[in-house]
Amino acid sequence: MIAVVGLLIGIVGGLLLQPTVPTELQPYLPIAVVAALDALFGGLRAMLDGIFDDRVFLISFLSNVVVAALIVFLGDQLGVGTQLSTAVVVVLGIRIFSNAASIRRHLFKA
């Protein structure tokens, strides 16, 4: 319940304060969002499988975002940022859809 309240406070705060992302960090935001979604879907799948651990989820969430951002940063430094960004989105997208399929099988038995 505390997590839901925190989420609602965060959403309301974001809507009221309307924070802006610095231009230097804007290329990393979509990658961070996709990495966070991957962790969220993985956590939901683990919860449905009965093996959810909040510490593992938190570490997975943070490490996914950091590793994805570092890969994109490395790509920017090498001059191939868009290619590595695309690669990160494809890999994480595959994982998201895999987790979504597992969640669907759990919920709908299909």
PDB file of N, CA and C in Angstrom:
ATOM      1  N   MET A   1       0.817  -1.193   0.000  1.00  0.00           N
ATOM      2  CA  MET A   1       0.000   0.000   0.000  1.00  0.00           C
ATOM      3  C   MET A   1       0.860   1.256   0.000  1.00  0.00           C
ATOM      4  N   ILE A   2       1.993   1.202   0.697  1.00  0.00           N
ATOM      5  CA  ILE A   2       2.884   2.362   0.748  1.00  0.00           C
ATOM      6  C   ILE A   2       3.418   2.677  -0.648  1.00  0.00           C
ATOM      7  N   ALA A   3       3.717   1.642  -1.425  1.00  0.00           N
ATOM      8  CA  ALA A   3       4.227   1.860  -2.780  1.00  0.00           C
ATOM      9  C   ALA A   3       3.189   2.551  -3.662  1.00  0.00           C
ATOM     10  N   VAL A   4       1.940   2.166  -3.534  1.00  0.00           N
ATOM     11  CA  VAL A   4       0.870   2.782  -4.331  1.00  0.00           C
ATOM     12  C   VAL A   4       0.710   4.247  -3.957  1.00  0.00           C
ATOM     13  N   VAL A   5       0.738   4.544  -2.654  1.00  0.00           N
ATOM     14  CA  VAL A   5       0.638   5.937  -2.197  1.00  0.00           C
ATOM     15  C   VAL A   5       1.825   6.743  -2.716  1.00  0.00           C
ATOM     16  N   GLY A   6       3.020   6.163  -2.643  1.00  0.00           N
ATOM     17  CA  GLY A   6       4.204   6.842  -3.166  1.00  0.00           C
ATOM     18  C   GLY A   6       4.115   7.098  -4.658  1.00  0.00           C
ATOM     19  N   LEU A   7       3.581   6.122  -5.392  1.00  0.00           N
ATOM     20  CA  LEU A   7       3.398   6.288  -6.831  1.00  0.00           C
ATOM     21  C   LEU A   7       2.427   7.419  -7.128  1.00  0.00           C
ATOM     22  N   LEU A   8       1.309   7.443  -6.410  1.00  0.00           N
ATOM     23  CA  LEU A   8       0.326   8.508  -6.618  1.00  0.00           C
ATOM     24  C   LEU A   8       0.900   9.884  -6.276  1.00  0.00           C
ATOM     25  N   ILE A   9       1.650   9.972  -5.184  1.00  0.00           N
ATOM     26  CA  ILE A   9       2.283  11.244  -4.820  1.00  0.00           C
ATOM     27  C   ILE A   9       3.266  11.672  -5.908  1.00  0.00           C
ATOM     28  N   GLY A  10       4.030  10.728  -6.436  1.00  0.00           N
ATOM     29  CA  GLY A  10       4.974  11.035  -7.504  1.00  0.00           C
ATOM     30  C   GLY A  10       4.289  11.513  -8.769  1.00  0.00           C
ATOM     31  N   ILE A  11       3.188  10.877  -9.133  1.00  0.00           N
ATOM     32  CA  ILE A  11       2.459  11.284 -10.341  1.00  0.00           C
ATOM     33  C   ILE A  11       1.877  12.679 -10.174  1.00  0.00           C
ATOM     34  N   VAL A  12       1.232  12.915  -9.032  1.00  0.00           N
ATOM     35  CA  VAL A  12       0.646  14.240  -8.782  1.00  0.00           C
ATOM     36  C   VAL A  12       1.737  15.305  -8.732  1.00  0.00           C
ATOM     37  N   GLY A  13       2.843  14.993  -8.050  1.00  0.00           N
ATOM     38  CA  GLY A  13       3.956  15.941  -7.988  1.00  0.00           C
ATOM     39  C   GLY A  13       4.521  16.253  -9.366  1.00  0.00           C
ATOM     40  N   GLY A  14       4.656  15.240 -10.203  1.00  0.00           N
ATOM     41  CA  GLY A  14       5.161  15.455 -11.561  1.00  0.00           C
ATOM     42  C   GLY A  14       4.223  16.298 -12.397  1.00  0.00           C
ATOM     43  N   LEU A  15       2.920  16.060 -12.235  1.00  0.00           N
ATOM     44  CA  LEU A  15       1.944  16.847 -13.002  1.00  0.00           C
ATOM     45  C   LEU A  15       1.898  18.294 -12.532  1.00  0.00           C
ATOM     46  N   LEU A  16       2.010  18.519 -11.234  1.00  0.00           N
ATOM     47  CA  LEU A  16       1.937  19.880 -10.706  1.00  0.00           C
ATOM     48  C   LEU A  16       3.227  20.665 -10.947  1.00  0.00           C
ATOM     49  N   LEU A  17       4.370  20.021 -10.724  1.00  0.00           N
ATOM     50  CA  LEU A  17       5.657  20.714 -10.837  1.00  0.00           C
ATOM     51  C   LEU A  17       6.173  20.784 -12.267  1.00  0.00           C
ATOM     52  N   GLN A  18       5.754  19.869 -13.117  1.00  0.00           N
ATOM     53  CA  GLN A  18       6.168  19.790 -14.516  1.00  0.00           C
ATOM     54  C   GLN A  18       7.684  19.962 -14.676  1.00  0.00           C
ATOM     55  N   PRO A  19       8.448  18.998 -14.145  1.00  0.00           N
ATOM     56  CA  PRO A  19       9.908  19.119 -14.242  1.00  0.00           C
ATOM     57  C   PRO A  19      10.379  18.997 -15.688  1.00  0.00           C
ATOM     58  N   THR A  20      11.498  19.629 -15.981  1.00  0.00           N
ATOM     59  CA  THR A  20      12.085  19.535 -17.317  1.00  0.00           C
ATOM     60  C   THR A  20      13.374  18.728 -17.236  1.00  0.00           C
ATOM     61  N   VAL A  21      13.659  18.032 -18.300  1.00  0.00           N
ATOM     62  CA  VAL A  21      14.875  17.234 -18.386  1.00  0.00           C
ATOM     63  C   VAL A  21      15.937  18.072 -19.093  1.00  0.00           C
ATOM     64  N   PRO A  22      17.130  18.194 -18.509  1.00  0.00           N
ATOM     65  CA  PRO A  22      18.195  18.944 -19.187  1.00  0.00           C
ATOM     66  C   PRO A  22      18.495  18.335 -20.559  1.00  0.00           C
ATOM     67  N   THR A  23      18.853  19.179 -21.503  1.00  0.00           N
ATOM     68  CA  THR A  23      19.070  18.714 -22.873  1.00  0.00           C
ATOM     69  C   THR A  23      20.167  17.655 -22.967  1.00  0.00           C
ATOM     70  N   GLU A  24      21.153  17.707 -22.065  1.00  0.00           N
ATOM     71  CA  GLU A  24      22.227  16.710 -22.100  1.00  0.00           C
ATOM     72  C   GLU A  24      21.713  15.319 -21.739  1.00  0.00           C
ATOM     73  N   LEU A  25      20.650  15.255 -20.940  1.00  0.00           N
ATOM     74  CA  LEU A  25      20.132  13.972 -20.488  1.00  0.00           C
ATOM     75  C   LEU A  25      18.961  13.461 -21.312  1.00  0.00           C
ATOM     76  N   GLN A  26      18.443  14.262 -22.220  1.00  0.00           N
ATOM     77  CA  GLN A  26      17.267  13.870 -22.996  1.00  0.00           C
ATOM     78  C   GLN A  26      17.458  12.595 -23.823  1.00  0.00           C
ATOM     79  N   PRO A  27      18.631  12.326 -24.398  1.00  0.00           N
ATOM     80  CA  PRO A  27      18.776  11.063 -25.145  1.00  0.00           C
ATOM     81  C   PRO A  27      18.667   9.824 -24.253  1.00  0.00           C
ATOM     82  N   TYR A  28      18.931   9.980 -22.961  1.00  0.00           N
ATOM     83  CA  TYR A  28      18.947   8.840 -22.050  1.00  0.00           C
ATOM     84  C   TYR A  28      17.574   8.550 -21.446  1.00  0.00           C
ATOM     85  N   LEU A  29      16.665   9.503 -21.465  1.00  0.00           N
ATOM     86  CA  LEU A  29      15.365   9.329 -20.827  1.00  0.00           C
ATOM     87  C   LEU A  29      14.539   8.192 -21.435  1.00  0.00           C
ATOM     88  N   PRO A  30      14.394   8.109 -22.760  1.00  0.00           N
ATOM     89  CA  PRO A  30      13.609   6.996 -23.312  1.00  0.00           C
ATOM     90  C   PRO A  30      14.212   5.632 -22.981  1.00  0.00           C
ATOM     91  N   ILE A  31      15.528   5.549 -22.986  1.00  0.00           N
ATOM     92  CA  ILE A  31      16.202   4.291 -22.675  1.00  0.00           C
ATOM     93  C   ILE A  31      15.955   3.932 -21.213  1.00  0.00           C
ATOM     94  N   ALA A  32      16.023   4.913 -20.328  1.00  0.00           N
ATOM     95  CA  ALA A  32      15.782   4.663 -18.909  1.00  0.00           C
ATOM     96  C   ALA A  32      14.340   4.215 -18.679  1.00  0.00           C
ATOM     97  N   VAL A  33      13.400   4.803 -19.398  1.00  0.00           N
ATOM     98  CA  VAL A  33      11.992   4.416 -19.248  1.00  0.00           C
ATOM     99  C   VAL A  33      11.782   2.980 -19.715  1.00  0.00           C
ATOM    100  N   VAL A  34      12.367   2.608 -20.843  1.00  0.00           N
ATOM    101  CA  VAL A  34      12.218   1.238 -21.348  1.00  0.00           C
ATOM    102  C   VAL A  34      12.879   0.249 -20.384  1.00  0.00           C
ATOM    103  N   ALA A  35      14.042   0.611 -19.837  1.00  0.00           N
ATOM    104  CA  ALA A  35      14.716  -0.272 -18.877  1.00  0.00           C
ATOM    105  C   ALA A  35      13.875  -0.426 -17.607  1.00  0.00           C
ATOM    106  N   ALA A  36      13.262   0.659 -17.158  1.00  0.00           N
ATOM    107  CA  ALA A  36      12.404   0.591 -15.978  1.00  0.00           C
ATOM    108  C   ALA A  36      11.168  -0.263 -16.254  1.00  0.00           C
ATOM    109  N   LEU A  37      10.579  -0.125 -17.446  1.00  0.00           N
ATOM    110  CA  LEU A  37       9.427  -0.958 -17.803  1.00  0.00           C
ATOM    111  C   LEU A  37       9.800  -2.438 -17.824  1.00  0.00           C
ATOM    112  N   ASP A  38      10.998  -2.739 -18.302  1.00  0.00           N
ATOM    113  CA  ASP A  38      11.462  -4.128 -18.304  1.00  0.00           C
ATOM    114  C   ASP A  38      11.507  -4.669 -16.881  1.00  0.00           C
ATOM    115  N   ALA A  39      12.042  -3.890 -15.962  1.00  0.00           N
ATOM    116  CA  ALA A  39      12.107  -4.331 -14.571  1.00  0.00           C
ATOM    117  C   ALA A  39      10.713  -4.479 -13.976  1.00  0.00           C
ATOM    118  N   LEU A  40       9.809  -3.564 -14.302  1.00  0.00           N
ATOM    119  CA  LEU A  40       8.450  -3.648 -13.770  1.00  0.00           C
ATOM    120  C   LEU A  40       7.724  -4.898 -14.261  1.00  0.00           C
ATOM    121  N   PHE A  41       7.829  -5.176 -15.555  1.00  0.00           N
ATOM    122  CA  PHE A  41       7.185  -6.372 -16.092  1.00  0.00           C
ATOM    123  C   PHE A  41       7.827  -7.633 -15.522  1.00  0.00           C
ATOM    124  N   GLY A  42       9.133  -7.611 -15.342  1.00  0.00           N
ATOM    125  CA  GLY A  42       9.811  -8.746 -14.726  1.00  0.00           C
ATOM    126  C   GLY A  42       9.364  -8.954 -13.289  1.00  0.00           C
ATOM    127  N   GLY A  43       9.176  -7.868 -12.554  1.00  0.00           N
ATOM    128  CA  GLY A  43       8.691  -7.963 -11.184  1.00  0.00           C
ATOM    129  C   GLY A  43       7.278  -8.500 -11.110  1.00  0.00           C
ATOM    130  N   LEU A  44       6.430  -8.052 -12.023  1.00  0.00           N
ATOM    131  CA  LEU A  44       5.052  -8.551 -12.051  1.00  0.00           C
ATOM    132  C   LEU A  44       5.026 -10.042 -12.387  1.00  0.00           C
ATOM    133  N   ARG A  45       5.871 -10.425 -13.335  1.00  0.00           N
ATOM    134  CA  ARG A  45       5.952 -11.850 -13.683  1.00  0.00           C
ATOM    135  C   ARG A  45       6.431 -12.673 -12.490  1.00  0.00           C
ATOM    136  N   ALA A  46       7.444 -12.184 -11.782  1.00  0.00           N
ATOM    137  CA  ALA A  46       7.953 -12.897 -10.609  1.00  0.00           C
ATOM    138  C   ALA A  46       6.887 -12.985  -9.522  1.00  0.00           C
ATOM    139  N   MET A  47       6.095 -11.923  -9.363  1.00  0.00           N
ATOM    140  CA  MET A  47       5.028 -11.952  -8.371  1.00  0.00           C
ATOM    141  C   MET A  47       3.991 -13.021  -8.715  1.00  0.00           C
ATOM    142  N   LEU A  48       3.630 -13.103  -9.998  1.00  0.00           N
ATOM    143  CA  LEU A  48       2.662 -14.109 -10.407  1.00  0.00           C
ATOM    144  C   LEU A  48       3.227 -15.521 -10.290  1.00  0.00           C
ATOM    145  N   ASP A  49       4.542 -15.664 -10.467  1.00  0.00           N
ATOM    146  CA  ASP A  49       5.193 -16.969 -10.321  1.00  0.00           C
ATOM    147  C   ASP A  49       5.418 -17.330  -8.857  1.00  0.00           C
ATOM    148  N   GLY A  50       5.196 -16.362  -7.967  1.00  0.00           N
ATOM    149  CA  GLY A  50       5.369 -16.608  -6.543  1.00  0.00           C
ATOM    150  C   GLY A  50       6.801 -16.546  -6.074  1.00  0.00           C
ATOM    151  N   ILE A  51       7.688 -15.905  -6.848  1.00  0.00           N
ATOM    152  CA  ILE A  51       9.104 -15.832  -6.479  1.00  0.00           C
ATOM    153  C   ILE A  51       9.589 -14.392  -6.351  1.00  0.00           C
ATOM    154  N   PHE A  52       8.669 -13.452  -6.139  1.00  0.00           N
ATOM    155  CA  PHE A  52       9.024 -12.044  -6.062  1.00  0.00           C
ATOM    156  C   PHE A  52       9.823 -11.766  -4.795  1.00  0.00           C
ATOM    157  N   ASP A  53      10.899 -11.000  -4.954  1.00  0.00           N
ATOM    158  CA  ASP A  53      11.712 -10.538  -3.830  1.00  0.00           C
ATOM    159  C   ASP A  53      11.938  -9.049  -4.028  1.00  0.00           C
ATOM    160  N   ASP A  54      11.542  -8.251  -3.058  1.00  0.00           N
ATOM    161  CA  ASP A  54      11.614  -6.807  -3.234  1.00  0.00           C
ATOM    162  C   ASP A  54      13.041  -6.303  -3.395  1.00  0.00           C
ATOM    163  N   ARG A  55      13.999  -6.927  -2.739  1.00  0.00           N
ATOM    164  CA  ARG A  55      15.396  -6.498  -2.895  1.00  0.00           C
ATOM    165  C   ARG A  55      15.904  -6.803  -4.296  1.00  0.00           C
ATOM    166  N   VAL A  56      15.569  -7.971  -4.801  1.00  0.00           N
ATOM    167  CA  VAL A  56      15.978  -8.332  -6.167  1.00  0.00           C
ATOM    168  C   VAL A  56      15.331  -7.374  -7.162  1.00  0.00           C
ATOM    169  N   PHE A  57      14.052  -7.048  -6.937  1.00  0.00           N
ATOM    170  CA  PHE A  57      13.361  -6.123  -7.827  1.00  0.00           C
ATOM    171  C   PHE A  57      14.032  -4.757  -7.824  1.00  0.00           C
ATOM    172  N   LEU A  58      14.342  -4.221  -6.653  1.00  0.00           N
ATOM    173  CA  LEU A  58      14.957  -2.901  -6.562  1.00  0.00           C
ATOM    174  C   LEU A  58      16.324  -2.882  -7.244  1.00  0.00           C
ATOM    175  N   ILE A  59      17.120  -3.891  -6.994  1.00  0.00           N
ATOM    176  CA  ILE A  59      18.443  -3.966  -7.622  1.00  0.00           C
ATOM    177  C   ILE A  59      18.303  -4.115  -9.136  1.00  0.00           C
ATOM    178  N   SER A  60      17.367  -4.947  -9.579  1.00  0.00           N
ATOM    179  CA  SER A  60      17.131  -5.121 -11.010  1.00  0.00           C
ATOM    180  C   SER A  60      16.686  -3.817 -11.650  1.00  0.00           C
ATOM    181  N   PHE A  61      15.761  -3.131 -11.004  1.00  0.00           N
ATOM    182  CA  PHE A  61      15.245  -1.865 -11.522  1.00  0.00           C
ATOM    183  C   PHE A  61      16.375  -0.857 -11.696  1.00  0.00           C
ATOM    184  N   LEU A  62      17.148  -0.645 -10.639  1.00  0.00           N
ATOM    185  CA  LEU A  62      18.227   0.347 -10.693  1.00  0.00           C
ATOM    186  C   LEU A  62      19.339  -0.060 -11.652  1.00  0.00           C
ATOM    187  N   SER A  63      19.729  -1.335 -11.621  1.00  0.00           N
ATOM    188  CA  SER A  63      20.825  -1.759 -12.495  1.00  0.00           C
ATOM    189  C   SER A  63      20.417  -1.727 -13.962  1.00  0.00           C
ATOM    190  N   ASN A  64      19.164  -2.068 -14.283  1.00  0.00           N
ATOM    191  CA  ASN A  64      18.709  -1.981 -15.670  1.00  0.00           C
ATOM    192  C   ASN A  64      18.837  -0.557 -16.196  1.00  0.00           C
ATOM    193  N   VAL A  65      18.381   0.397 -15.404  1.00  0.00           N
ATOM    194  CA  VAL A  65      18.424   1.793 -15.834  1.00  0.00           C
ATOM    195  C   VAL A  65      19.870   2.261 -15.989  1.00  0.00           C
ATOM    196  N   VAL A  66      20.719   1.942 -15.022  1.00  0.00           N
ATOM    197  CA  VAL A  66      22.114   2.396 -15.069  1.00  0.00           C
ATOM    198  C   VAL A  66      22.863   1.752 -16.230  1.00  0.00           C
ATOM    199  N   VAL A  67      22.716   0.445 -16.405  1.00  0.00           N
ATOM    200  CA  VAL A  67      23.436  -0.243 -17.484  1.00  0.00           C
ATOM    201  C   VAL A  67      22.967   0.255 -18.846  1.00  0.00           C
ATOM    202  N   ALA A  68      21.667   0.425 -19.026  1.00  0.00           N
ATOM    203  CA  ALA A  68      21.152   0.919 -20.302  1.00  0.00           C
ATOM    204  C   ALA A  68      21.681   2.325 -20.582  1.00  0.00           C
ATOM    205  N   ALA A  69      21.688   3.181 -19.571  1.00  0.00           N
ATOM    206  CA  ALA A  69      22.200   4.541 -19.757  1.00  0.00           C
ATOM    207  C   ALA A  69      23.691   4.519 -20.071  1.00  0.00           C
ATOM    208  N   LEU A  70      24.445   3.651 -19.420  1.00  0.00           N
ATOM    209  CA  LEU A  70      25.879   3.557 -19.697  1.00  0.00           C
ATOM    210  C   LEU A  70      26.155   3.070 -21.114  1.00  0.00           C
ATOM    211  N   ILE A  71      25.363   2.129 -21.591  1.00  0.00           N
ATOM    212  CA  ILE A  71      25.539   1.648 -22.968  1.00  0.00           C
ATOM    213  C   ILE A  71      25.288   2.775 -23.960  1.00  0.00           C
ATOM    214  N   VAL A  72      24.236   3.548 -23.732  1.00  0.00           N
ATOM    215  CA  VAL A  72      23.936   4.661 -24.633  1.00  0.00           C
ATOM    216  C   VAL A  72      25.013   5.728 -24.519  1.00  0.00           C
ATOM    217  N   PHE A  73      25.504   5.996 -23.315  1.00  0.00           N
ATOM    218  CA  PHE A  73      26.585   6.967 -23.129  1.00  0.00           C
ATOM    219  C   PHE A  73      27.840   6.521 -23.876  1.00  0.00           C
ATOM    220  N   LEU A  74      28.172   5.250 -23.760  1.00  0.00           N
ATOM    221  CA  LEU A  74      29.327   4.710 -24.485  1.00  0.00           C
ATOM    222  C   LEU A  74      29.131   4.869 -25.985  1.00  0.00           C
ATOM    223  N   GLY A  75      27.939   4.589 -26.464  1.00  0.00           N
ATOM    224  CA  GLY A  75      27.650   4.770 -27.885  1.00  0.00           C
ATOM    225  C   GLY A  75      27.795   6.213 -28.316  1.00  0.00           C
ATOM    226  N   ASP A  76      27.366   7.154 -27.467  1.00  0.00           N
ATOM    227  CA  ASP A  76      27.550   8.575 -27.787  1.00  0.00           C
ATOM    228  C   ASP A  76      29.026   8.931 -27.866  1.00  0.00           C
ATOM    229  N   GLN A  77      29.813   8.392 -26.954  1.00  0.00           N
ATOM    230  CA  GLN A  77      31.248   8.680 -26.954  1.00  0.00           C
ATOM    231  C   GLN A  77      31.947   8.095 -28.180  1.00  0.00           C
ATOM    232  N   LEU A  78      31.445   6.962 -28.663  1.00  0.00           N
ATOM    233  CA  LEU A  78      32.032   6.318 -29.844  1.00  0.00           C
ATOM    234  C   LEU A  78      31.448   6.842 -31.151  1.00  0.00           C
ATOM    235  N   GLY A  79      30.406   7.665 -31.043  1.00  0.00           N
ATOM    236  CA  GLY A  79      29.772   8.215 -32.241  1.00  0.00           C
ATOM    237  C   GLY A  79      28.722   7.307 -32.858  1.00  0.00           C
ATOM    238  N   VAL A  80      28.303   6.294 -32.133  1.00  0.00           N
ATOM    239  CA  VAL A  80      27.278   5.375 -32.637  1.00  0.00           C
ATOM    240  C   VAL A  80      26.117   5.291 -31.643  1.00  0.00           C
ATOM    241  N   GLY A  81      25.779   6.422 -31.043  1.00  0.00           N
ATOM    242  CA  GLY A  81      24.758   6.460 -30.000  1.00  0.00           C
ATOM    243  C   GLY A  81      23.407   5.954 -30.447  1.00  0.00           C
ATOM    244  N   THR A  82      22.989   6.339 -31.653  1.00  0.00           N
ATOM    245  CA  THR A  82      21.651   5.925 -32.104  1.00  0.00           C
ATOM    246  C   THR A  82      21.587   4.417 -32.348  1.00  0.00           C
ATOM    247  N   GLN A  83      22.670   3.838 -32.844  1.00  0.00           N
ATOM    248  CA  GLN A  83      22.674   2.400 -33.092  1.00  0.00           C
ATOM    249  C   GLN A  83      22.613   1.624 -31.783  1.00  0.00           C
ATOM    250  N   LEU A  84      23.391   2.056 -30.787  1.00  0.00           N
ATOM    251  CA  LEU A  84      23.352   1.359 -29.505  1.00  0.00           C
ATOM    252  C   LEU A  84      22.034   1.613 -28.781  1.00  0.00           C
ATOM    253  N   SER A  85      21.459   2.791 -28.940  1.00  0.00           N
ATOM    254  CA  SER A  85      20.141   3.071 -28.353  1.00  0.00           C
ATOM    255  C   SER A  85      19.103   2.116 -28.939  1.00  0.00           C
ATOM    256  N   THR A  86      19.159   1.951 -30.243  1.00  0.00           N
ATOM    257  CA  THR A  86      18.228   1.031 -30.907  1.00  0.00           C
ATOM    258  C   THR A  86      18.435  -0.398 -30.411  1.00  0.00           C
ATOM    259  N   ALA A  87      19.685  -0.793 -30.257  1.00  0.00           N
ATOM    260  CA  ALA A  87      19.974  -2.147 -29.780  1.00  0.00           C
ATOM    261  C   ALA A  87      19.428  -2.360 -28.372  1.00  0.00           C
ATOM    262  N   VAL A  88      19.600  -1.376 -27.499  1.00  0.00           N
ATOM    263  CA  VAL A  88      19.097  -1.485 -26.132  1.00  0.00           C
ATOM    264  C   VAL A  88      17.578  -1.588 -26.133  1.00  0.00           C
ATOM    265  N   VAL A  89      16.917  -0.761 -26.933  1.00  0.00           N
ATOM    266  CA  VAL A  89      15.452  -0.789 -26.993  1.00  0.00           C
ATOM    267  C   VAL A  89      14.960  -2.128 -27.538  1.00  0.00           C
ATOM    268  N   VAL A  90      15.635  -2.665 -28.539  1.00  0.00           N
ATOM    269  CA  VAL A  90      15.224  -3.959 -29.110  1.00  0.00           C
ATOM    270  C   VAL A  90      15.370  -5.071 -28.076  1.00  0.00           C
ATOM    271  N   VAL A  91      16.505  -5.131 -27.410  1.00  0.00           N
ATOM    272  CA  VAL A  91      16.735  -6.193 -26.424  1.00  0.00           C
ATOM    273  C   VAL A  91      15.745  -6.084 -25.267  1.00  0.00           C
ATOM    274  N   LEU A  92      15.592  -4.882 -24.731  1.00  0.00           N
ATOM    275  CA  LEU A  92      14.655  -4.712 -23.621  1.00  0.00           C
ATOM    276  C   LEU A  92      13.213  -4.909 -24.079  1.00  0.00           C
ATOM    277  N   GLY A  93      12.914  -4.510 -25.309  1.00  0.00           N
ATOM    278  CA  GLY A  93      11.570  -4.730 -25.850  1.00  0.00           C
ATOM    279  C   GLY A  93      11.241  -6.204 -25.957  1.00  0.00           C
ATOM    280  N   ILE A  94      12.207  -7.003 -26.386  1.00  0.00           N
ATOM    281  CA  ILE A  94      12.001  -8.448 -26.457  1.00  0.00           C
ATOM    282  C   ILE A  94      11.722  -9.008 -25.073  1.00  0.00           C
ATOM    283  N   ARG A  95      12.483  -8.542 -24.077  1.00  0.00           N
ATOM    284  CA  ARG A  95      12.257  -9.015 -22.702  1.00  0.00           C
ATOM    285  C   ARG A  95      10.894  -8.576 -22.177  1.00  0.00           C
ATOM    286  N   ILE A  96      10.490  -7.355 -22.494  1.00  0.00           N
ATOM    287  CA  ILE A  96       9.183  -6.859 -22.049  1.00  0.00           C
ATOM    288  C   ILE A  96       8.074  -7.719 -22.644  1.00  0.00           C
ATOM    289  N   PHE A  97       8.136  -7.976 -23.940  1.00  0.00           N
ATOM    290  CA  PHE A  97       7.098  -8.785 -24.579  1.00  0.00           C
ATOM    291  C   PHE A  97       7.119 -10.228 -24.087  1.00  0.00           C
ATOM    292  N   SER A  98       8.282 -10.757 -23.789  1.00  0.00           N
ATOM    293  CA  SER A  98       8.373 -12.100 -23.227  1.00  0.00           C
ATOM    294  C   SER A  98       7.703 -12.153 -21.852  1.00  0.00           C
ATOM    295  N   ASN A  99       7.996 -11.165 -21.023  1.00  0.00           N
ATOM    296  CA  ASN A  99       7.356 -11.103 -19.709  1.00  0.00           C
ATOM    297  C   ASN A  99       5.855 -10.874 -19.840  1.00  0.00           C
ATOM    298  N   ALA A 100       5.449 -10.029 -20.780  1.00  0.00           N
ATOM    299  CA  ALA A 100       4.019  -9.776 -20.989  1.00  0.00           C
ATOM    300  C   ALA A 100       3.308 -11.056 -21.425  1.00  0.00           C
ATOM    301  N   ALA A 101       3.944 -11.849 -22.270  1.00  0.00           N
ATOM    302  CA  ALA A 101       3.344 -13.119 -22.696  1.00  0.00           C
ATOM    303  C   ALA A 101       3.195 -14.064 -21.514  1.00  0.00           C
ATOM    304  N   SER A 102       4.200 -14.112 -20.656  1.00  0.00           N
ATOM    305  CA  SER A 102       4.118 -14.962 -19.474  1.00  0.00           C
ATOM    306  C   SER A 102       3.009 -14.481 -18.525  1.00  0.00           C
ATOM    307  N   ILE A 103       2.891 -13.181 -18.366  1.00  0.00           N
ATOM    308  CA  ILE A 103       1.833 -12.621 -17.521  1.00  0.00           C
ATOM    309  C   ILE A 103       0.464 -12.957 -18.111  1.00  0.00           C
ATOM    310  N   ARG A 104       0.345 -12.822 -19.421  1.00  0.00           N
ATOM    311  CA  ARG A 104      -0.925 -13.154 -20.076  1.00  0.00           C
ATOM    312  C   ARG A 104      -1.283 -14.622 -19.860  1.00  0.00           C
ATOM    313  N   ARG A 105      -0.298 -15.504 -19.998  1.00  0.00           N
ATOM    314  CA  ARG A 105      -0.549 -16.933 -19.778  1.00  0.00           C
ATOM    315  C   ARG A 105      -0.997 -17.184 -18.334  1.00  0.00           C
ATOM    316  N   HIS A 106      -0.385 -16.474 -17.404  1.00  0.00           N
ATOM    317  CA  HIS A 106      -0.767 -16.626 -15.997  1.00  0.00           C
ATOM    318  C   HIS A 106      -2.199 -16.173 -15.754  1.00  0.00           C
ATOM    319  N   LEU A 107      -2.538 -15.001 -16.286  1.00  0.00           N
ATOM    320  CA  LEU A 107      -3.837 -14.403 -15.999  1.00  0.00           C
ATOM    321  C   LEU A 107      -4.979 -15.069 -16.752  1.00  0.00           C
ATOM    322  N   PHE A 108      -4.758 -15.400 -18.004  1.00  0.00           N
ATOM    323  CA  PHE A 108      -5.834 -15.911 -18.858  1.00  0.00           C
ATOM    324  C   PHE A 108      -5.733 -17.403 -19.136  1.00  0.00           C
ATOM    325  N   LYS A 109      -4.690 -18.030 -18.594  1.00  0.00           N
ATOM    326  CA  LYS A 109      -4.474 -19.469 -18.821  1.00  0.00           C
ATOM    327  C   LYS A 109      -4.480 -19.813 -20.304  1.00  0.00           C
ATOM    328  N   ALA A 110      -3.913 -18.883 -21.112  1.00  0.00           N
ATOM    329  CA  ALA A 110      -3.890 -19.084 -22.560  1.00  0.00           C
ATOM    330  C   ALA A 110      -2.481 -18.928 -23.093  1.00  0.00           C
TER     331      ALA A 110
END
